[in-house]
């Protein structure tokens, strides 16, 4: 699923164009959002691709949406 990541202050936000939805990133496995799992404020979780920590934002990436059991 396409996800656009941007940084607002010290926090990350995710925009999902297919759903026209914007949510805050409330949890992440890594200090940056790349290469780990992020959780959005609505409860959705995504496996994010491996990118460099200094990747310029905003950027749209292909991320895998995870179910509750993953």
PDB file of N, CA and C in Angstrom:
ATOM      1  N   UNK A   1       0.844  -1.161   0.000  1.00  0.00           N
ATOM      2  CA  UNK A   1       0.000   0.000   0.000  1.00  0.00           C
ATOM      3  C   UNK A   1       0.896   1.231   0.000  1.00  0.00           C
ATOM      4  N   UNK A   2       0.542   2.209  -0.776  1.00  0.00           N
ATOM      5  CA  UNK A   2       1.324   3.445  -0.818  1.00  0.00           C
ATOM      6  C   UNK A   2       1.088   4.250   0.457  1.00  0.00           C
ATOM      7  N   UNK A   3       2.194   4.721   1.053  1.00  0.00           N
ATOM      8  CA  UNK A   3       2.144   5.525   2.268  1.00  0.00           C
ATOM      9  C   UNK A   3       3.107   6.689   2.089  1.00  0.00           C
ATOM     10  N   UNK A   4       2.629   7.896   2.350  1.00  0.00           N
ATOM     11  CA  UNK A   4       3.488   9.073   2.311  1.00  0.00           C
ATOM     12  C   UNK A   4       3.861   9.430   3.742  1.00  0.00           C
ATOM     13  N   UNK A   5       5.159   9.535   3.998  1.00  0.00           N
ATOM     14  CA  UNK A   5       5.670   9.854   5.332  1.00  0.00           C
ATOM     15  C   UNK A   5       6.209  11.275   5.314  1.00  0.00           C
ATOM     16  N   UNK A   6       5.843  12.035   6.333  1.00  0.00           N
ATOM     17  CA  UNK A   6       6.416  13.369   6.508  1.00  0.00           C
ATOM     18  C   UNK A   6       6.702  13.574   7.981  1.00  0.00           C
ATOM     19  N   UNK A   7       7.533  14.552   8.279  1.00  0.00           N
ATOM     20  CA  UNK A   7       7.897  14.832   9.666  1.00  0.00           C
ATOM     21  C   UNK A   7       7.328  16.194  10.048  1.00  0.00           C
ATOM     22  N   UNK A   8       6.652  16.231  11.181  1.00  0.00           N
ATOM     23  CA  UNK A   8       6.079  17.466  11.714  1.00  0.00           C
ATOM     24  C   UNK A   8       6.675  17.660  13.102  1.00  0.00           C
ATOM     25  N   UNK A   9       7.583  18.609  13.220  1.00  0.00           N
ATOM     26  CA  UNK A   9       8.307  18.768  14.485  1.00  0.00           C
ATOM     27  C   UNK A   9       9.175  17.546  14.720  1.00  0.00           C
ATOM     28  N   UNK A  10       9.000  16.889  15.858  1.00  0.00           N
ATOM     29  CA  UNK A  10       9.747  15.673  16.173  1.00  0.00           C
ATOM     30  C   UNK A  10       8.962  14.407  15.843  1.00  0.00           C
ATOM     31  N   UNK A  11       7.739  14.560  15.368  1.00  0.00           N
ATOM     32  CA  UNK A  11       6.868  13.400  15.115  1.00  0.00           C
ATOM     33  C   UNK A  11       6.733  13.135  13.617  1.00  0.00           C
ATOM     34  N   UNK A  12       6.408  11.882  13.303  1.00  0.00           N
ATOM     35  CA  UNK A  12       6.137  11.496  11.923  1.00  0.00           C
ATOM     36  C   UNK A  12       4.627  11.408  11.713  1.00  0.00           C
ATOM     37  N   UNK A  13       4.203  11.701  10.491  1.00  0.00           N
ATOM     38  CA  UNK A  13       2.816  11.518  10.089  1.00  0.00           C
ATOM     39  C   UNK A  13       2.797  10.691   8.820  1.00  0.00           C
ATOM     40  N   UNK A  14       1.733   9.906   8.665  1.00  0.00           N
ATOM     41  CA  UNK A  14       1.567   9.067   7.484  1.00  0.00           C
ATOM     42  C   UNK A  14       0.271   9.448   6.789  1.00  0.00           C
ATOM     43  N   UNK A  15       0.334   9.546   5.477  1.00  0.00           N
ATOM     44  CA  UNK A  15      -0.846   9.803   4.662  1.00  0.00           C
ATOM     45  C   UNK A  15      -1.037   8.611   3.742  1.00  0.00           C
ATOM     46  N   UNK A  16      -2.239   8.063   3.730  1.00  0.00           N
ATOM     47  CA  UNK A  16      -2.562   6.927   2.871  1.00  0.00           C
ATOM     48  C   UNK A  16      -3.498   7.447   1.786  1.00  0.00           C
ATOM     49  N   UNK A  17      -2.957   7.681   0.571  1.00  0.00           N
ATOM     50  CA  UNK A  17      -3.761   8.291  -0.492  1.00  0.00           C
ATOM     51  C   UNK A  17      -4.985   7.462  -0.881  1.00  0.00           C
ATOM     52  N   UNK A  18      -4.863   6.151  -0.875  1.00  0.00           N
ATOM     53  CA  UNK A  18      -5.972   5.292  -1.288  1.00  0.00           C
ATOM     54  C   UNK A  18      -7.196   5.486  -0.390  1.00  0.00           C
ATOM     55  N   UNK A  19      -6.965   5.807   0.880  1.00  0.00           N
ATOM     56  CA  UNK A  19      -8.048   6.017   1.848  1.00  0.00           C
ATOM     57  C   UNK A  19      -8.272   7.497   2.162  1.00  0.00           C
ATOM     58  N   UNK A  20      -7.439   8.379   1.575  1.00  0.00           N
ATOM     59  CA  UNK A  20      -7.463   9.809   1.877  1.00  0.00           C
ATOM     60  C   UNK A  20      -7.468  10.022   3.395  1.00  0.00           C
ATOM     61  N   UNK A  21      -6.479   9.407   4.046  1.00  0.00           N
ATOM     62  CA  UNK A  21      -6.409   9.389   5.499  1.00  0.00           C
ATOM     63  C   UNK A  21      -5.020   9.828   5.960  1.00  0.00           C
ATOM     64  N   UNK A  22      -4.987  10.684   6.951  1.00  0.00           N
ATOM     65  CA  UNK A  22      -3.724  11.126   7.537  1.00  0.00           C
ATOM     66  C   UNK A  22      -3.742  10.816   9.029  1.00  0.00           C
ATOM     67  N   UNK A  23      -2.701  10.137   9.499  1.00  0.00           N
ATOM     68  CA  UNK A  23      -2.621   9.716  10.900  1.00  0.00           C
ATOM     69  C   UNK A  23      -1.211   9.944  11.428  1.00  0.00           C
ATOM     70  N   UNK A  24      -1.101  10.147  12.727  1.00  0.00           N
ATOM     71  CA  UNK A  24       0.206  10.270  13.378  1.00  0.00           C
ATOM     72  C   UNK A  24       0.804   8.880  13.591  1.00  0.00           C
ATOM     73  N   UNK A  25       2.126   8.807  13.497  1.00  0.00           N
ATOM     74  CA  UNK A  25       2.843   7.579  13.839  1.00  0.00           C
ATOM     75  C   UNK A  25       3.013   7.604  15.361  1.00  0.00           C
ATOM     76  N   UNK A  26       2.410   6.625  16.048  1.00  0.00           N
ATOM     77  CA  UNK A  26       2.435   6.614  17.514  1.00  0.00           C
ATOM     78  C   UNK A  26       3.449   5.626  18.089  1.00  0.00           C
ATOM     79  N   UNK A  27       3.874   4.641  17.286  1.00  0.00           N
ATOM     80  CA  UNK A  27       4.906   3.685  17.709  1.00  0.00           C
ATOM     81  C   UNK A  27       5.767   3.326  16.520  1.00  0.00           C
ATOM     82  N   UNK A  28       7.038   3.047  16.790  1.00  0.00           N
ATOM     83  CA  UNK A  28       7.956   2.594  15.744  1.00  0.00           C
ATOM     84  C   UNK A  28       9.047   1.747  16.372  1.00  0.00           C
ATOM     85  N   UNK A  29       9.509   0.763  15.603  1.00  0.00           N
ATOM     86  CA  UNK A  29      10.551  -0.161  16.090  1.00  0.00           C
ATOM     87  C   UNK A  29      11.934   0.460  16.137  1.00  0.00           C
ATOM     88  N   UNK A  30      12.172   1.427  15.276  1.00  0.00           N
ATOM     89  CA  UNK A  30      13.507   2.008  15.117  1.00  0.00           C
ATOM     90  C   UNK A  30      13.449   3.500  15.432  1.00  0.00           C
ATOM     91  N   UNK A  31      14.588   4.150  15.641  1.00  0.00           N
ATOM     92  CA  UNK A  31      14.588   5.592  15.918  1.00  0.00           C
ATOM     93  C   UNK A  31      14.014   6.415  14.759  1.00  0.00           C
ATOM     94  N   UNK A  32      14.105   5.879  13.568  1.00  0.00           N
ATOM     95  CA  UNK A  32      13.478   6.492  12.396  1.00  0.00           C
ATOM     96  C   UNK A  32      12.440   5.487  11.919  1.00  0.00           C
ATOM     97  N   UNK A  33      11.667   5.796  10.928  1.00  0.00           N
ATOM     98  CA  UNK A  33      10.562   4.902  10.531  1.00  0.00           C
ATOM     99  C   UNK A  33      10.967   3.804   9.551  1.00  0.00           C
ATOM    100  N   UNK A  34      12.193   3.789   9.099  1.00  0.00           N
ATOM    101  CA  UNK A  34      12.588   2.877   8.022  1.00  0.00           C
ATOM    102  C   UNK A  34      13.052   1.523   8.544  1.00  0.00           C
ATOM    103  N   UNK A  35      12.596   0.478   7.851  1.00  0.00           N
ATOM    104  CA  UNK A  35      13.065  -0.875   8.122  1.00  0.00           C
ATOM    105  C   UNK A  35      12.404  -1.568   9.294  1.00  0.00           C
ATOM    106  N   UNK A  36      11.407  -0.959   9.873  1.00  0.00           N
ATOM    107  CA  UNK A  36      10.736  -1.576  11.012  1.00  0.00           C
ATOM    108  C   UNK A  36       9.228  -1.501  10.853  1.00  0.00           C
ATOM    109  N   UNK A  37       8.556  -1.743  11.936  1.00  0.00           N
ATOM    110  CA  UNK A  37       7.099  -1.673  11.954  1.00  0.00           C
ATOM    111  C   UNK A  37       6.681  -0.377  12.621  1.00  0.00           C
ATOM    112  N   UNK A  38       5.727   0.314  11.995  1.00  0.00           N
ATOM    113  CA  UNK A  38       5.160   1.513  12.604  1.00  0.00           C
ATOM    114  C   UNK A  38       3.693   1.259  12.908  1.00  0.00           C
ATOM    115  N   UNK A  39       3.196   1.967  13.912  1.00  0.00           N
ATOM    116  CA  UNK A  39       1.778   1.894  14.252  1.00  0.00           C
ATOM    117  C   UNK A  39       1.214   3.300  14.174  1.00  0.00           C
ATOM    118  N   UNK A  40       0.061   3.429  13.517  1.00  0.00           N
ATOM    119  CA  UNK A  40      -0.595   4.720  13.371  1.00  0.00           C
ATOM    120  C   UNK A  40      -1.609   4.939  14.487  1.00  0.00           C
ATOM    121  N   UNK A  41      -2.041   6.179  14.658  1.00  0.00           N
ATOM    122  CA  UNK A  41      -2.971   6.512  15.735  1.00  0.00           C
ATOM    123  C   UNK A  41      -4.319   5.811  15.585  1.00  0.00           C
ATOM    124  N   UNK A  42      -4.661   5.337  14.392  1.00  0.00           N
ATOM    125  CA  UNK A  42      -5.922   4.605  14.206  1.00  0.00           C
ATOM    126  C   UNK A  42      -5.751   3.096  14.448  1.00  0.00           C
ATOM    127  N   UNK A  43      -4.528   2.653  14.804  1.00  0.00           N
ATOM    128  CA  UNK A  43      -4.267   1.253  15.098  1.00  0.00           C
ATOM    129  C   UNK A  43      -3.664   0.462  13.952  1.00  0.00           C
ATOM    130  N   UNK A  44      -3.652   1.010  12.743  1.00  0.00           N
ATOM    131  CA  UNK A  44      -3.061   0.299  11.607  1.00  0.00           C
ATOM    132  C   UNK A  44      -1.565   0.183  11.802  1.00  0.00           C
ATOM    133  N   UNK A  45      -1.009  -0.953  11.346  1.00  0.00           N
ATOM    134  CA  UNK A  45       0.434  -1.193  11.425  1.00  0.00           C
ATOM    135  C   UNK A  45       0.978  -1.472  10.032  1.00  0.00           C
ATOM    136  N   UNK A  46       2.192  -0.993   9.783  1.00  0.00           N
ATOM    137  CA  UNK A  46       2.843  -1.168   8.486  1.00  0.00           C
ATOM    138  C   UNK A  46       4.277  -1.627   8.669  1.00  0.00           C
ATOM    139  N   UNK A  47       4.705  -2.541   7.807  1.00  0.00           N
ATOM    140  CA  UNK A  47       6.118  -2.906   7.698  1.00  0.00           C
ATOM    141  C   UNK A  47       6.716  -1.938   6.688  1.00  0.00           C
ATOM    142  N   UNK A  48       7.651  -1.114   7.140  1.00  0.00           N
ATOM    143  CA  UNK A  48       8.230  -0.080   6.287  1.00  0.00           C
ATOM    144  C   UNK A  48       9.477  -0.612   5.574  1.00  0.00           C
ATOM    145  N   UNK A  49       9.752  -0.083   4.377  1.00  0.00           N
ATOM    146  CA  UNK A  49      10.942  -0.516   3.639  1.00  0.00           C
ATOM    147  C   UNK A  49      12.225   0.007   4.289  1.00  0.00           C
ATOM    148  N   UNK A  50      13.335  -0.653   3.971  1.00  0.00           N
ATOM    149  CA  UNK A  50      14.658  -0.211   4.432  1.00  0.00           C
ATOM    150  C   UNK A  50      15.106   0.977   3.599  1.00  0.00           C
ATOM    151  N   UNK A  51      15.266   2.113   4.232  1.00  0.00           N
ATOM    152  CA  UNK A  51      15.812   3.308   3.585  1.00  0.00           C
ATOM    153  C   UNK A  51      16.812   3.933   4.550  1.00  0.00           C
ATOM    154  N   UNK A  52      17.639   4.811   4.040  1.00  0.00           N
ATOM    155  CA  UNK A  52      18.622   5.491   4.882  1.00  0.00           C
ATOM    156  C   UNK A  52      17.915   6.392   5.892  1.00  0.00           C
ATOM    157  N   UNK A  53      18.491   6.526   7.069  1.00  0.00           N
ATOM    158  CA  UNK A  53      17.905   7.345   8.128  1.00  0.00           C
ATOM    159  C   UNK A  53      17.753   8.804   7.706  1.00  0.00           C
ATOM    160  N   UNK A  54      18.633   9.253   6.811  1.00  0.00           N
ATOM    161  CA  UNK A  54      18.589  10.660   6.387  1.00  0.00           C
ATOM    162  C   UNK A  54      17.802  10.863   5.082  1.00  0.00           C
ATOM    163  N   UNK A  55      16.902   9.936   4.742  1.00  0.00           N
ATOM    164  CA  UNK A  55      16.070  10.067   3.550  1.00  0.00           C
ATOM    165  C   UNK A  55      15.248  11.346   3.646  1.00  0.00           C
ATOM    166  N   UNK A  56      15.228  12.102   2.549  1.00  0.00           N
ATOM    167  CA  UNK A  56      14.496  13.366   2.537  1.00  0.00           C
ATOM    168  C   UNK A  56      12.998  13.115   2.573  1.00  0.00           C
ATOM    169  N   UNK A  57      12.318  13.901   3.374  1.00  0.00           N
ATOM    170  CA  UNK A  57      10.874  13.799   3.528  1.00  0.00           C
ATOM    171  C   UNK A  57      10.208  15.059   3.011  1.00  0.00           C
ATOM    172  N   UNK A  58       8.981  15.003   2.545  1.00  0.00           N
ATOM    173  CA  UNK A  58       8.093  13.847   2.492  1.00  0.00           C
ATOM    174  C   UNK A  58       8.474  12.903   1.351  1.00  0.00           C
ATOM    175  N   UNK A  59       8.111  11.631   1.523  1.00  0.00           N
ATOM    176  CA  UNK A  59       8.379  10.619   0.514  1.00  0.00           C
ATOM    177  C   UNK A  59       7.241   9.599   0.525  1.00  0.00           C
ATOM    178  N   UNK A  60       6.884   9.120  -0.658  1.00  0.00           N
ATOM    179  CA  UNK A  60       5.874   8.082  -0.782  1.00  0.00           C
ATOM    180  C   UNK A  60       6.580   6.762  -1.041  1.00  0.00           C
ATOM    181  N   UNK A  61       6.228   5.759  -0.244  1.00  0.00           N
ATOM    182  CA  UNK A  61       6.847   4.429  -0.338  1.00  0.00           C
ATOM    183  C   UNK A  61       5.759   3.367  -0.407  1.00  0.00           C
ATOM    184  N   UNK A  62       6.166   2.175  -0.791  1.00  0.00           N
ATOM    185  CA  UNK A  62       5.275   1.015  -0.767  1.00  0.00           C
ATOM    186  C   UNK A  62       5.529   0.291   0.556  1.00  0.00           C
ATOM    187  N   UNK A  63       4.520   0.232   1.413  1.00  0.00           N
ATOM    188  CA  UNK A  63       4.640  -0.416   2.721  1.00  0.00           C
ATOM    189  C   UNK A  63       3.602  -1.526   2.812  1.00  0.00           C
ATOM    190  N   UNK A  64       3.916  -2.546   3.584  1.00  0.00           N
ATOM    191  CA  UNK A  64       2.996  -3.679   3.737  1.00  0.00           C
ATOM    192  C   UNK A  64       2.150  -3.486   4.983  1.00  0.00           C
ATOM    193  N   UNK A  65       0.830  -3.453   4.794  1.00  0.00           N
ATOM    194  CA  UNK A  65      -0.094  -3.328   5.933  1.00  0.00           C
ATOM    195  C   UNK A  65      -0.154  -4.676   6.646  1.00  0.00           C
ATOM    196  N   UNK A  66       0.011  -4.632   7.960  1.00  0.00           N
ATOM    197  CA  UNK A  66       0.007  -5.847   8.761  1.00  0.00           C
ATOM    198  C   UNK A  66      -1.342  -6.039   9.438  1.00  0.00           C
ATOM    199  N   UNK A  67      -1.736  -7.291   9.573  1.00  0.00           N
ATOM    200  CA  UNK A  67      -2.957  -7.613  10.308  1.00  0.00           C
ATOM    201  C   UNK A  67      -2.698  -7.617  11.794  1.00  0.00           C
ATOM    202  N   UNK A  68      -3.718  -7.865  12.579  1.00  0.00           N
ATOM    203  CA  UNK A  68      -3.582  -7.864  14.028  1.00  0.00           C
ATOM    204  C   UNK A  68      -2.718  -9.006  14.538  1.00  0.00           C
ATOM    205  N   UNK A  69      -2.635 -10.097  13.762  1.00  0.00           N
ATOM    206  CA  UNK A  69      -1.872 -11.260  14.223  1.00  0.00           C
ATOM    207  C   UNK A  69      -0.436 -11.260  13.747  1.00  0.00           C
ATOM    208  N   UNK A  70       0.013 -10.217  13.068  1.00  0.00           N
ATOM    209  CA  UNK A  70       1.392 -10.180  12.551  1.00  0.00           C
ATOM    210  C   UNK A  70       2.249  -9.300  13.436  1.00  0.00           C
TER     211      UNK A  70
END
